[in-house]
Protein backbone atom coordinates (compact mmCIF):
# COMPACT_ATOMS: atom_id res chain seq x y z
CA MET A 1 -11.60 3.38 5.29
CA ILE A 2 -13.90 4.14 8.19
CA LYS A 3 -12.52 3.72 11.71
CA PHE A 4 -14.46 3.83 14.95
CA PHE A 5 -14.04 2.86 18.60
CA LEU A 6 -15.72 -0.19 20.08
CA TRP A 7 -14.85 -1.61 23.50
CA GLY A 8 -11.77 0.60 23.63
CA LEU A 9 -10.45 -0.75 20.34
CA ILE A 10 -10.11 0.95 16.99
CA MET A 11 -12.33 -0.97 14.62
CA ILE A 12 -12.22 -0.71 10.83
CA ARG A 13 -15.52 -1.02 9.03
CA THR A 14 -15.42 -3.46 6.17
CA GLN A 15 -17.95 -5.15 3.93
CA ILE A 16 -18.08 -8.77 2.90
CA GLN A 17 -20.38 -10.63 0.58
CA LEU A 18 -21.95 -13.86 1.76
CA THR A 19 -24.20 -16.35 0.10
CA GLU A 20 -27.75 -16.51 1.42
CA GLU A 21 -26.96 -19.79 3.12
CA GLN A 22 -23.84 -18.38 4.81
CA ALA A 23 -25.75 -15.34 6.04
CA GLU A 24 -28.62 -17.42 7.41
CA ARG A 25 -26.34 -19.88 9.14
CA LEU A 26 -24.31 -17.06 10.67
CA LYS A 27 -27.48 -15.38 11.95
CA LYS A 28 -28.64 -18.63 13.55
CA MET A 29 -25.24 -19.32 15.10
CA ALA A 30 -24.99 -15.78 16.44
CA ALA A 31 -28.50 -15.91 17.91
CA LYS A 32 -27.80 -19.26 19.56
CA ARG A 33 -24.66 -17.80 21.18
CA HIS A 34 -26.29 -14.45 22.01
CA LEU A 35 -23.75 -12.61 19.86
CA SER A 36 -23.97 -10.20 16.98
CA VAL A 37 -23.07 -11.54 13.55
CA ALA A 38 -20.17 -9.05 13.48
CA ASN A 39 -18.82 -10.39 16.76
CA LEU A 40 -19.13 -13.96 15.53
CA ILE A 41 -17.21 -13.05 12.36
CA ARG A 42 -14.49 -11.32 14.44
CA GLN A 43 -14.15 -14.49 16.53
CA ALA A 44 -13.87 -16.59 13.37
CA VAL A 45 -11.20 -14.26 11.99
CA ASN A 46 -9.24 -14.52 15.25
CA THR A 47 -9.48 -18.31 15.11
CA LEU A 48 -8.21 -18.30 11.53
CA ILE A 49 -5.29 -16.03 12.43
CA LYS A 50 -4.35 -18.21 15.41
CA SER A 51 -4.54 -21.42 13.38
CA ASN A 52 -2.35 -19.89 10.68
CA THR A 53 0.19 -18.90 13.34
CA ALA A 54 0.08 -22.44 14.71
CA ILE A 55 0.84 -23.80 11.24
CA GLU A 56 3.76 -21.41 10.91
CA ASP A 57 5.05 -22.50 14.34
CA ALA A 58 4.63 -26.16 13.42
CA GLU A 59 6.53 -25.60 10.18
CA ARG A 60 9.37 -23.84 12.03
CA ARG A 61 9.50 -26.70 14.54
CA LYS A 62 9.57 -29.25 11.71
CA ARG A 63 12.45 -27.44 10.01
CA ALA A 64 14.40 -27.16 13.27
CA ILE A 65 14.01 -30.88 13.92
CA ALA A 66 15.11 -31.65 10.36
CA ALA A 67 18.23 -29.50 10.86
CA SER A 68 19.18 -31.03 14.19
CA GLY A 69 22.12 -33.37 14.01
CA ARG A 70 23.15 -32.17 10.55
CA PHE A 71 26.05 -30.07 11.80
CA ARG A 72 29.09 -31.03 13.84
CA SER A 73 30.89 -28.79 16.30
CA GLY A 74 33.75 -31.16 16.92
CA LEU A 75 33.15 -30.85 20.66
CA THR A 76 32.53 -34.12 22.44
CA ASP A 77 30.98 -32.57 25.57
CA LEU A 78 28.70 -29.98 23.98
CA SER A 79 25.48 -31.48 25.30
CA THR A 80 26.68 -31.35 28.90
CA ALA A 81 28.81 -28.18 28.77
CA HIS A 82 26.68 -26.00 26.48
CA ASP A 83 26.32 -23.25 29.13
CA LYS A 84 30.10 -22.94 29.37
CA TYR A 85 30.47 -22.67 25.60
CA LEU A 86 27.66 -20.12 25.34
CA SER A 87 29.14 -17.92 28.06
CA GLU A 88 32.50 -18.04 26.30
CA ALA A 89 30.90 -17.16 22.97
CA TYR A 90 29.12 -14.10 24.40
CA LYS A 91 32.04 -12.58 26.37
């Protein structure tokens, strides 16, 4: 593994294999945006990572919504007095 500094960040050199079409399209996209192909690929990787995180967040939200209302505390004023109950629980 080869590491080097770029823009104050530790970068790890890696190799990927692209089809001719992928390589050509990346070169054209990078040129149009005045970026290097490597920078364009880093941006794409960041976008992929963020979208995966968004999916994970959406899945967590979906599970939380599915769980809401499935449990009963027996307290009739929980929605209005939740702060009181929380402070009592964490004394």
